[in-house]
Amino acid sequence: YQASQQLHEETNLPTVICVYSPVDPISVIKQHQ
């Protein structure tokens, strides 16, 4: 779920993806790069 309404793509700001106690952290890394 997304916490902020806008991803600020026009300002080129980084996006933080937060993952808690992942079952498969490697697949998360491969998905989001």
Full PDB file with SEQRES, HELIX, SHEET, SSBOND, CRYST1, ORIGX, SCALE, CONECT and MASTER records, all heavy atoms in Angstrom:
SEQRES   1 A   33  TYR GLN ALA SER GLN GLN LEU HIS GLU GLU THR ASN LEU          
SEQRES   2 A   33  PRO THR VAL ILE CYS VAL TYR SER PRO VAL ASP PRO ILE          
SEQRES   3 A   33  SER VAL ILE LYS GLN HIS GLN                                  
HELIX    1 AA1 GLU A    9  THR A   11  5                                   3    
HELIX    2 AA2 PRO A   25  HIS A   32  1                                   8    
CRYST1    1.000    1.000    1.000  90.00  90.00  90.00 P 1           1          
ORIGX1      1.000000  0.000000  0.000000        0.00000                         
ORIGX2      0.000000  1.000000  0.000000        0.00000                         
ORIGX3      0.000000  0.000000  1.000000        0.00000                         
SCALE1      1.000000  0.000000  0.000000        0.00000                         
SCALE2      0.000000  1.000000  0.000000        0.00000                         
SCALE3      0.000000  0.000000  1.000000        0.00000                         
ATOM      1  N   TYR A   1       0.842  -1.181   0.000  1.00  0.00           N  
ATOM      2  CA  TYR A   1       0.000   0.000   0.000  1.00  0.00           C  
ATOM      3  C   TYR A   1       0.876   1.229   0.000  1.00  0.00           C  
ATOM      4  O   TYR A   1       1.976   1.231   0.551  1.00  0.00           O  
ATOM      5  CB  TYR A   1      -0.968   0.033   1.186  1.00  0.00           C  
ATOM      6  CG  TYR A   1      -0.320   0.154   2.533  1.00  0.00           C  
ATOM      7  CD1 TYR A   1      -0.087   1.402   3.112  1.00  0.00           C  
ATOM      8  CD2 TYR A   1       0.057  -0.976   3.250  1.00  0.00           C  
ATOM      9  CE1 TYR A   1       0.493   1.515   4.355  1.00  0.00           C  
ATOM     10  CE2 TYR A   1       0.643  -0.873   4.492  1.00  0.00           C  
ATOM     11  CZ  TYR A   1       0.855   0.366   5.036  1.00  0.00           C  
ATOM     12  OH  TYR A   1       1.441   0.472   6.262  1.00  0.00           O  
ATOM     13  N   GLN A   2       0.406   2.265  -0.616  1.00  0.00           N  
ATOM     14  CA  GLN A   2       1.184   3.492  -0.798  1.00  0.00           C  
ATOM     15  C   GLN A   2       0.818   4.504   0.271  1.00  0.00           C  
ATOM     16  O   GLN A   2      -0.354   4.770   0.511  1.00  0.00           O  
ATOM     17  CB  GLN A   2       0.915   4.079  -2.183  1.00  0.00           C  
ATOM     18  CG  GLN A   2       1.742   5.290  -2.512  1.00  0.00           C  
ATOM     19  CD  GLN A   2       1.516   5.744  -3.941  1.00  0.00           C  
ATOM     20  OE1 GLN A   2       1.552   4.955  -4.860  1.00  0.00           O  
ATOM     21  NE2 GLN A   2       1.250   7.015  -4.108  1.00  0.00           N  
ATOM     22  N   ALA A   3       1.832   5.055   0.929  1.00  0.00           N  
ATOM     23  CA  ALA A   3       1.577   5.982   2.034  1.00  0.00           C  
ATOM     24  C   ALA A   3       1.400   7.415   1.569  1.00  0.00           C  
ATOM     25  O   ALA A   3       0.742   8.201   2.234  1.00  0.00           O  
ATOM     26  CB  ALA A   3       2.704   5.912   3.057  1.00  0.00           C  
ATOM     27  N   SER A   4       2.004   7.769   0.456  1.00  0.00           N  
ATOM     28  CA  SER A   4       1.884   9.136  -0.026  1.00  0.00           C  
ATOM     29  C   SER A   4       1.053   9.160  -1.294  1.00  0.00           C  
ATOM     30  O   SER A   4       1.031   8.213  -2.073  1.00  0.00           O  
ATOM     31  CB  SER A   4       3.274   9.731  -0.292  1.00  0.00           C  
ATOM     32  OG  SER A   4       3.995   8.901  -1.173  1.00  0.00           O  
ATOM     33  N   GLN A   5       0.374  10.264  -1.519  1.00  0.00           N  
ATOM     34  CA  GLN A   5      -0.546  10.368  -2.641  1.00  0.00           C  
ATOM     35  C   GLN A   5       0.173  10.626  -3.952  1.00  0.00           C  
ATOM     36  O   GLN A   5      -0.320  10.306  -5.007  1.00  0.00           O  
ATOM     37  CB  GLN A   5      -1.560  11.489  -2.380  1.00  0.00           C  
ATOM     38  CG  GLN A   5      -2.432  11.226  -1.170  1.00  0.00           C  
ATOM     39  CD  GLN A   5      -3.275   9.980  -1.335  1.00  0.00           C  
ATOM     40  OE1 GLN A   5      -3.784   9.690  -2.405  1.00  0.00           O  
ATOM     41  NE2 GLN A   5      -3.419   9.233  -0.248  1.00  0.00           N  
ATOM     42  N   GLN A   6       1.360  11.208  -3.880  1.00  0.00           N  
ATOM     43  CA  GLN A   6       2.078  11.579  -5.084  1.00  0.00           C  
ATOM     44  C   GLN A   6       3.529  11.151  -4.961  1.00  0.00           C  
ATOM     45  O   GLN A   6       4.147  11.294  -3.919  1.00  0.00           O  
ATOM     46  CB  GLN A   6       2.012  13.107  -5.310  1.00  0.00           C  
ATOM     47  CG  GLN A   6       2.656  13.558  -6.614  1.00  0.00           C  
ATOM     48  CD  GLN A   6       2.571  15.076  -6.770  1.00  0.00           C  
ATOM     49  OE1 GLN A   6       2.103  15.753  -5.869  1.00  0.00           O  
ATOM     50  NE2 GLN A   6       3.020  15.572  -7.895  1.00  0.00           N  
ATOM     51  N   LEU A   7       4.079  10.595  -6.030  1.00  0.00           N  
ATOM     52  CA  LEU A   7       5.431  10.070  -5.988  1.00  0.00           C  
ATOM     53  C   LEU A   7       6.483  11.091  -6.397  1.00  0.00           C  
ATOM     54  O   LEU A   7       7.643  10.772  -6.541  1.00  0.00           O  
ATOM     55  CB  LEU A   7       5.538   8.835  -6.894  1.00  0.00           C  
ATOM     56  CG  LEU A   7       4.750   7.617  -6.396  1.00  0.00           C  
ATOM     57  CD1 LEU A   7       4.978   6.437  -7.325  1.00  0.00           C  
ATOM     58  CD2 LEU A   7       5.132   7.242  -4.985  1.00  0.00           C  
ATOM     59  N   HIS A   8       6.093  12.327  -6.632  1.00  0.00           N  
ATOM     60  CA  HIS A   8       7.029  13.415  -6.905  1.00  0.00           C  
ATOM     61  C   HIS A   8       7.981  13.068  -8.052  1.00  0.00           C  
ATOM     62  O   HIS A   8       9.178  13.355  -8.008  1.00  0.00           O  
ATOM     63  CB  HIS A   8       7.861  13.748  -5.662  1.00  0.00           C  
ATOM     64  CG  HIS A   8       7.031  14.155  -4.481  1.00  0.00           C  
ATOM     65  ND1 HIS A   8       6.466  15.399  -4.379  1.00  0.00           N  
ATOM     66  CD2 HIS A   8       6.659  13.480  -3.373  1.00  0.00           C  
ATOM     67  CE1 HIS A   8       5.786  15.474  -3.233  1.00  0.00           C  
ATOM     68  NE2 HIS A   8       5.885  14.321  -2.615  1.00  0.00           N  
ATOM     69  N   GLU A   9       7.474  12.432  -9.094  1.00  0.00           N  
ATOM     70  CA  GLU A   9       8.335  12.037 -10.204  1.00  0.00           C  
ATOM     71  C   GLU A   9       8.948  13.251 -10.904  1.00  0.00           C  
ATOM     72  O   GLU A   9      10.051  13.190 -11.427  1.00  0.00           O  
ATOM     73  CB  GLU A   9       7.537  11.194 -11.197  1.00  0.00           C  
ATOM     74  CG  GLU A   9       7.073   9.858 -10.596  1.00  0.00           C  
ATOM     75  CD  GLU A   9       6.276   9.052 -11.599  1.00  0.00           C  
ATOM     76  OE1 GLU A   9       6.032   9.586 -12.710  1.00  0.00           O  
ATOM     77  OE2 GLU A   9       5.893   7.924 -11.281  1.00  0.00           O  
ATOM     78  N   GLU A  10       8.229  14.362 -10.874  1.00  0.00           N  
ATOM     79  CA  GLU A  10       8.748  15.526 -11.581  1.00  0.00           C  
ATOM     80  C   GLU A  10       9.950  16.128 -10.881  1.00  0.00           C  
ATOM     81  O   GLU A  10      10.743  16.840 -11.482  1.00  0.00           O  
ATOM     82  CB  GLU A  10       7.637  16.585 -11.718  1.00  0.00           C  
ATOM     83  CG  GLU A  10       7.193  17.244 -10.407  1.00  0.00           C  
ATOM     84  CD  GLU A  10       6.199  16.403  -9.622  1.00  0.00           C  
ATOM     85  OE1 GLU A  10       5.912  15.281 -10.074  1.00  0.00           O  
ATOM     86  OE2 GLU A  10       5.711  16.870  -8.571  1.00  0.00           O  
ATOM     87  N   THR A  11      10.145  15.880  -9.591  1.00  0.00           N  
ATOM     88  CA  THR A  11      11.292  16.422  -8.859  1.00  0.00           C  
ATOM     89  C   THR A  11      12.442  15.428  -8.763  1.00  0.00           C  
ATOM     90  O   THR A  11      13.483  15.751  -8.223  1.00  0.00           O  
ATOM     91  CB  THR A  11      10.867  16.825  -7.436  1.00  0.00           C  
ATOM     92  OG1 THR A  11      10.371  15.666  -6.755  1.00  0.00           O  
ATOM     93  CG2 THR A  11       9.792  17.891  -7.472  1.00  0.00           C  
ATOM     94  N   ASN A  12      12.229  14.221  -9.261  1.00  0.00           N  
ATOM     95  CA  ASN A  12      13.278  13.209  -9.288  1.00  0.00           C  
ATOM     96  C   ASN A  12      13.713  12.790  -7.885  1.00  0.00           C  
ATOM     97  O   ASN A  12      14.853  12.344  -7.676  1.00  0.00           O  
ATOM     98  CB  ASN A  12      14.497  13.705 -10.076  1.00  0.00           C  
ATOM     99  CG  ASN A  12      15.282  12.564 -10.694  1.00  0.00           C  
ATOM    100  OD1 ASN A  12      14.734  11.494 -10.941  1.00  0.00           O  
ATOM    101  ND2 ASN A  12      16.553  12.789 -10.951  1.00  0.00           N  
ATOM    102  N   LEU A  13      12.828  12.952  -6.901  1.00  0.00           N  
ATOM    103  CA  LEU A  13      13.156  12.545  -5.541  1.00  0.00           C  
ATOM    104  C   LEU A  13      13.083  11.026  -5.424  1.00  0.00           C  
ATOM    105  O   LEU A  13      12.251  10.380  -6.072  1.00  0.00           O  
ATOM    106  CB  LEU A  13      12.185  13.185  -4.549  1.00  0.00           C  
ATOM    107  CG  LEU A  13      12.392  14.666  -4.264  1.00  0.00           C  
ATOM    108  CD1 LEU A  13      11.256  15.209  -3.417  1.00  0.00           C  
ATOM    109  CD2 LEU A  13      13.724  14.895  -3.554  1.00  0.00           C  
ATOM    110  N   PRO A  14      13.948  10.434  -4.601  1.00  0.00           N  
ATOM    111  CA  PRO A  14      13.925   8.977  -4.438  1.00  0.00           C  
ATOM    112  C   PRO A  14      12.668   8.514  -3.703  1.00  0.00           C  
ATOM    113  O   PRO A  14      12.101   9.241  -2.889  1.00  0.00           O  
ATOM    114  CB  PRO A  14      15.182   8.692  -3.620  1.00  0.00           C  
ATOM    115  CG  PRO A  14      15.478   9.976  -2.909  1.00  0.00           C  
ATOM    116  CD  PRO A  14      15.029  11.067  -3.827  1.00  0.00           C  
ATOM    117  N   THR A  15      12.255   7.308  -4.008  1.00  0.00           N  
ATOM    118  CA  THR A  15      11.123   6.673  -3.350  1.00  0.00           C  
ATOM    119  C   THR A  15      11.631   5.610  -2.390  1.00  0.00           C  
ATOM    120  O   THR A  15      12.534   4.839  -2.720  1.00  0.00           O  
ATOM    121  CB  THR A  15      10.180   6.026  -4.378  1.00  0.00           C  
ATOM    122  OG1 THR A  15       9.675   7.035  -5.254  1.00  0.00           O  
ATOM    123  CG2 THR A  15       9.015   5.332  -3.691  1.00  0.00           C  
ATOM    124  N   VAL A  16      11.071   5.581  -1.186  1.00  0.00           N  
ATOM    125  CA  VAL A  16      11.456   4.597  -0.177  1.00  0.00           C  
ATOM    126  C   VAL A  16      10.412   3.487  -0.148  1.00  0.00           C  
ATOM    127  O   VAL A  16       9.227   3.747   0.082  1.00  0.00           O  
ATOM    128  CB  VAL A  16      11.572   5.242   1.216  1.00  0.00           C  
ATOM    129  CG1 VAL A  16      12.003   4.201   2.241  1.00  0.00           C  
ATOM    130  CG2 VAL A  16      12.553   6.405   1.193  1.00  0.00           C  
ATOM    131  N   ILE A  17      10.834   2.270  -0.388  1.00  0.00           N  
ATOM    132  CA  ILE A  17       9.951   1.109  -0.313  1.00  0.00           C  
ATOM    133  C   ILE A  17      10.292   0.348   0.959  1.00  0.00           C  
ATOM    134  O   ILE A  17      11.414  -0.139   1.132  1.00  0.00           O  
ATOM    135  CB  ILE A  17      10.112   0.201  -1.550  1.00  0.00           C  
ATOM    136  CG1 ILE A  17       9.762   0.989  -2.817  1.00  0.00           C  
ATOM    137  CG2 ILE A  17       9.235  -1.041  -1.431  1.00  0.00           C  
ATOM    138  CD1 ILE A  17       9.930   0.198  -4.090  1.00  0.00           C  
ATOM    139  N   CYS A  18       9.352   0.275   1.863  1.00  0.00           N  
ATOM    140  CA  CYS A  18       9.573  -0.318   3.181  1.00  0.00           C  
ATOM    141  C   CYS A  18       9.005  -1.736   3.213  1.00  0.00           C  
ATOM    142  O   CYS A  18       7.851  -1.958   2.847  1.00  0.00           O  
ATOM    143  CB  CYS A  18       8.915   0.524   4.270  1.00  0.00           C  
ATOM    144  SG  CYS A  18       9.359   2.276   4.195  1.00  0.00           S  
ATOM    145  N   VAL A  19       9.828  -2.670   3.647  1.00  0.00           N  
ATOM    146  CA  VAL A  19       9.438  -4.076   3.708  1.00  0.00           C  
ATOM    147  C   VAL A  19       9.714  -4.580   5.119  1.00  0.00           C  
ATOM    148  O   VAL A  19      10.815  -4.404   5.643  1.00  0.00           O  
ATOM    149  CB  VAL A  19      10.215  -4.927   2.685  1.00  0.00           C  
ATOM    150  CG1 VAL A  19       9.692  -6.357   2.670  1.00  0.00           C  
ATOM    151  CG2 VAL A  19      10.126  -4.315   1.292  1.00  0.00           C  
ATOM    152  N   TYR A  20       8.702  -5.221   5.727  1.00  0.00           N  
ATOM    153  CA  TYR A  20       8.837  -5.690   7.101  1.00  0.00           C  
ATOM    154  C   TYR A  20       8.884  -7.215   7.137  1.00  0.00           C  
ATOM    155  O   TYR A  20       8.010  -7.884   6.575  1.00  0.00           O  
ATOM    156  CB  TYR A  20       7.671  -5.195   7.956  1.00  0.00           C  
ATOM    157  CG  TYR A  20       7.413  -3.725   7.802  1.00  0.00           C  
ATOM    158  CD1 TYR A  20       6.217  -3.265   7.262  1.00  0.00           C  
ATOM    159  CD2 TYR A  20       8.370  -2.793   8.178  1.00  0.00           C  
ATOM    160  CE1 TYR A  20       5.985  -1.912   7.108  1.00  0.00           C  
ATOM    161  CE2 TYR A  20       8.137  -1.439   8.021  1.00  0.00           C  
ATOM    162  CZ  TYR A  20       6.945  -1.009   7.489  1.00  0.00           C  
ATOM    163  OH  TYR A  20       6.715   0.338   7.324  1.00  0.00           O  
ATOM    164  N   SER A  21       9.918  -7.761   7.778  1.00  0.00           N  
ATOM    165  CA  SER A  21      10.062  -9.204   7.960  1.00  0.00           C  
ATOM    166  C   SER A  21       9.724  -9.967   6.683  1.00  0.00           C  
ATOM    167  O   SER A  21       8.764 -10.743   6.633  1.00  0.00           O  
ATOM    168  CB  SER A  21       9.161  -9.675   9.110  1.00  0.00           C  
ATOM    169  OG  SER A  21       9.508  -9.026  10.305  1.00  0.00           O  
ATOM    170  N   PRO A  22      10.485  -9.778   5.618  1.00  0.00           N  
ATOM    171  CA  PRO A  22      10.144 -10.392   4.332  1.00  0.00           C  
ATOM    172  C   PRO A  22      10.311 -11.911   4.350  1.00  0.00           C  
ATOM    173  O   PRO A  22      11.217 -12.439   4.999  1.00  0.00           O  
ATOM    174  CB  PRO A  22      11.143  -9.748   3.370  1.00  0.00           C  
ATOM    175  CG  PRO A  22      12.324  -9.422   4.241  1.00  0.00           C  
ATOM    176  CD  PRO A  22      11.742  -9.026   5.572  1.00  0.00           C  
ATOM    177  N   VAL A  23       9.430 -12.606   3.649  1.00  0.00           N  
ATOM    178  CA  VAL A  23       9.553 -14.050   3.501  1.00  0.00           C  
ATOM    179  C   VAL A  23      10.664 -14.379   2.515  1.00  0.00           C  
ATOM    180  O   VAL A  23      11.457 -15.293   2.734  1.00  0.00           O  
ATOM    181  CB  VAL A  23       8.215 -14.655   3.028  1.00  0.00           C  
ATOM    182  CG1 VAL A  23       8.366 -16.158   2.773  1.00  0.00           C  
ATOM    183  CG2 VAL A  23       7.110 -14.398   4.043  1.00  0.00           C  
ATOM    184  N   ASP A  24      10.737 -13.620   1.433  1.00  0.00           N  
ATOM    185  CA  ASP A  24      11.737 -13.840   0.388  1.00  0.00           C  
ATOM    186  C   ASP A  24      12.351 -12.490   0.005  1.00  0.00           C  
ATOM    187  O   ASP A  24      11.911 -11.847  -0.944  1.00  0.00           O  
ATOM    188  CB  ASP A  24      11.096 -14.509  -0.826  1.00  0.00           C  
ATOM    189  CG  ASP A  24      12.123 -14.907  -1.885  1.00  0.00           C  
ATOM    190  OD1 ASP A  24      13.324 -14.659  -1.664  1.00  0.00           O  
ATOM    191  OD2 ASP A  24      11.716 -15.462  -2.922  1.00  0.00           O  
ATOM    192  N   PRO A  25      13.378 -12.035   0.726  1.00  0.00           N  
ATOM    193  CA  PRO A  25      13.956 -10.707   0.449  1.00  0.00           C  
ATOM    194  C   PRO A  25      14.610 -10.619  -0.921  1.00  0.00           C  
ATOM    195  O   PRO A  25      14.649  -9.546  -1.526  1.00  0.00           O  
ATOM    196  CB  PRO A  25      14.980 -10.527   1.571  1.00  0.00           C  
ATOM    197  CG  PRO A  25      15.325 -11.914   2.010  1.00  0.00           C  
ATOM    198  CD  PRO A  25      14.073 -12.706   1.840  1.00  0.00           C  
ATOM    199  N   ILE A  26      15.127 -11.728  -1.425  1.00  0.00           N  
ATOM    200  CA  ILE A  26      15.810 -11.697  -2.719  1.00  0.00           C  
ATOM    201  C   ILE A  26      14.829 -11.378  -3.835  1.00  0.00           C  
ATOM    202  O   ILE A  26      15.132 -10.581  -4.742  1.00  0.00           O  
ATOM    203  CB  ILE A  26      16.521 -13.038  -2.977  1.00  0.00           C  
ATOM    204  CG1 ILE A  26      17.620 -13.246  -1.936  1.00  0.00           C  
ATOM    205  CG2 ILE A  26      17.105 -13.080  -4.389  1.00  0.00           C  
ATOM    206  CD1 ILE A  26      18.358 -14.556  -2.071  1.00  0.00           C  
ATOM    207  N   SER A  27      13.647 -11.956  -3.786  1.00  0.00           N  
ATOM    208  CA  SER A  27      12.649 -11.657  -4.818  1.00  0.00           C  
ATOM    209  C   SER A  27      12.209 -10.201  -4.758  1.00  0.00           C  
ATOM    210  O   SER A  27      11.915  -9.587  -5.789  1.00  0.00           O  
ATOM    211  CB  SER A  27      11.431 -12.577  -4.658  1.00  0.00           C  
ATOM    212  OG  SER A  27      10.769 -12.331  -3.429  1.00  0.00           O  
ATOM    213  N   VAL A  28      12.178  -9.634  -3.543  1.00  0.00           N  
ATOM    214  CA  VAL A  28      11.828  -8.215  -3.397  1.00  0.00           C  
ATOM    215  C   VAL A  28      12.885  -7.333  -4.054  1.00  0.00           C  
ATOM    216  O   VAL A  28      12.573  -6.369  -4.752  1.00  0.00           O  
ATOM    217  CB  VAL A  28      11.668  -7.850  -1.903  1.00  0.00           C  
ATOM    218  CG1 VAL A  28      11.404  -6.356  -1.738  1.00  0.00           C  
ATOM    219  CG2 VAL A  28      10.545  -8.650  -1.267  1.00  0.00           C  
ATOM    220  N   ILE A  29      14.144  -7.675  -3.847  1.00  0.00           N  
ATOM    221  CA  ILE A  29      15.235  -6.897  -4.456  1.00  0.00           C  
ATOM    222  C   ILE A  29      15.191  -7.003  -5.977  1.00  0.00           C  
ATOM    223  O   ILE A  29      15.326  -6.004  -6.693  1.00  0.00           O  
ATOM    224  CB  ILE A  29      16.597  -7.377  -3.924  1.00  0.00           C  
ATOM    225  CG1 ILE A  29      16.691  -7.155  -2.414  1.00  0.00           C  
ATOM    226  CG2 ILE A  29      17.738  -6.641  -4.630  1.00  0.00           C  
ATOM    227  CD1 ILE A  29      17.954  -7.713  -1.796  1.00  0.00           C  
ATOM    228  N   LYS A  30      14.977  -8.208  -6.481  1.00  0.00           N  
ATOM    229  CA  LYS A  30      14.924  -8.400  -7.930  1.00  0.00           C  
ATOM    230  C   LYS A  30      13.745  -7.652  -8.548  1.00  0.00           C  
ATOM    231  O   LYS A  30      13.842  -7.123  -9.662  1.00  0.00           O  
ATOM    232  CB  LYS A  30      14.814  -9.889  -8.254  1.00  0.00           C  
ATOM    233  CG  LYS A  30      16.083 -10.678  -7.953  1.00  0.00           C  
ATOM    234  CD  LYS A  30      15.907 -12.138  -8.330  1.00  0.00           C  
ATOM    235  CE  LYS A  30      17.183 -12.931  -8.095  1.00  0.00           C  
ATOM    236  NZ  LYS A  30      17.013 -14.373  -8.431  1.00  0.00           N  
ATOM    237  N   GLN A  31      12.640  -7.591  -7.819  1.00  0.00           N  
ATOM    238  CA  GLN A  31      11.464  -6.911  -8.353  1.00  0.00           C  
ATOM    239  C   GLN A  31      11.655  -5.401  -8.416  1.00  0.00           C  
ATOM    240  O   GLN A  31      11.335  -4.761  -9.416  1.00  0.00           O  
ATOM    241  CB  GLN A  31      10.230  -7.241  -7.499  1.00  0.00           C  
ATOM    242  CG  GLN A  31       8.975  -6.483  -7.922  1.00  0.00           C  
ATOM    243  CD  GLN A  31       7.812  -6.736  -6.980  1.00  0.00           C  
ATOM    244  OE1 GLN A  31       7.890  -7.574  -6.081  1.00  0.00           O  
ATOM    245  NE2 GLN A  31       6.734  -6.007  -7.176  1.00  0.00           N  
ATOM    246  N   HIS A  32      12.203  -4.810  -7.351  1.00  0.00           N  
ATOM    247  CA  HIS A  32      12.275  -3.349  -7.267  1.00  0.00           C  
ATOM    248  C   HIS A  32      13.606  -2.777  -7.745  1.00  0.00           C  
ATOM    249  O   HIS A  32      13.690  -1.587  -8.051  1.00  0.00           O  
ATOM    250  CB  HIS A  32      12.007  -2.905  -5.830  1.00  0.00           C  
ATOM    251  CG  HIS A  32      10.626  -3.245  -5.345  1.00  0.00           C  
ATOM    252  ND1 HIS A  32       9.501  -2.606  -5.798  1.00  0.00           N  
ATOM    253  CD2 HIS A  32      10.203  -4.175  -4.442  1.00  0.00           C  
ATOM    254  CE1 HIS A  32       8.434  -3.104  -5.197  1.00  0.00           C  
ATOM    255  NE2 HIS A  32       8.835  -4.063  -4.371  1.00  0.00           N  
ATOM    256  N   GLN A  33      14.664  -3.584  -7.760  1.00  0.00           N  
ATOM    257  CA  GLN A  33      15.978  -3.135  -8.235  1.00  0.00           C  
ATOM    258  C   GLN A  33      16.395  -1.805  -7.593  1.00  0.00           C  
ATOM    259  O   GLN A  33      16.526  -0.780  -8.250  1.00  0.00           O  
ATOM    260  CB  GLN A  33      15.960  -2.997  -9.758  1.00  0.00           C  
ATOM    261  CG  GLN A  33      15.690  -4.298 -10.487  1.00  0.00           C  
ATOM    262  CD  GLN A  33      15.694  -4.146 -11.989  1.00  0.00           C  
ATOM    263  OE1 GLN A  33      15.414  -3.070 -12.520  1.00  0.00           O  
ATOM    264  NE2 GLN A  33      15.995  -5.201 -12.702  1.00  0.00           N  
TER     265      GLN A  33                                                      
MASTER        0    0    0    2    0    0    0    6  264    1    0    3          
END                                                                             
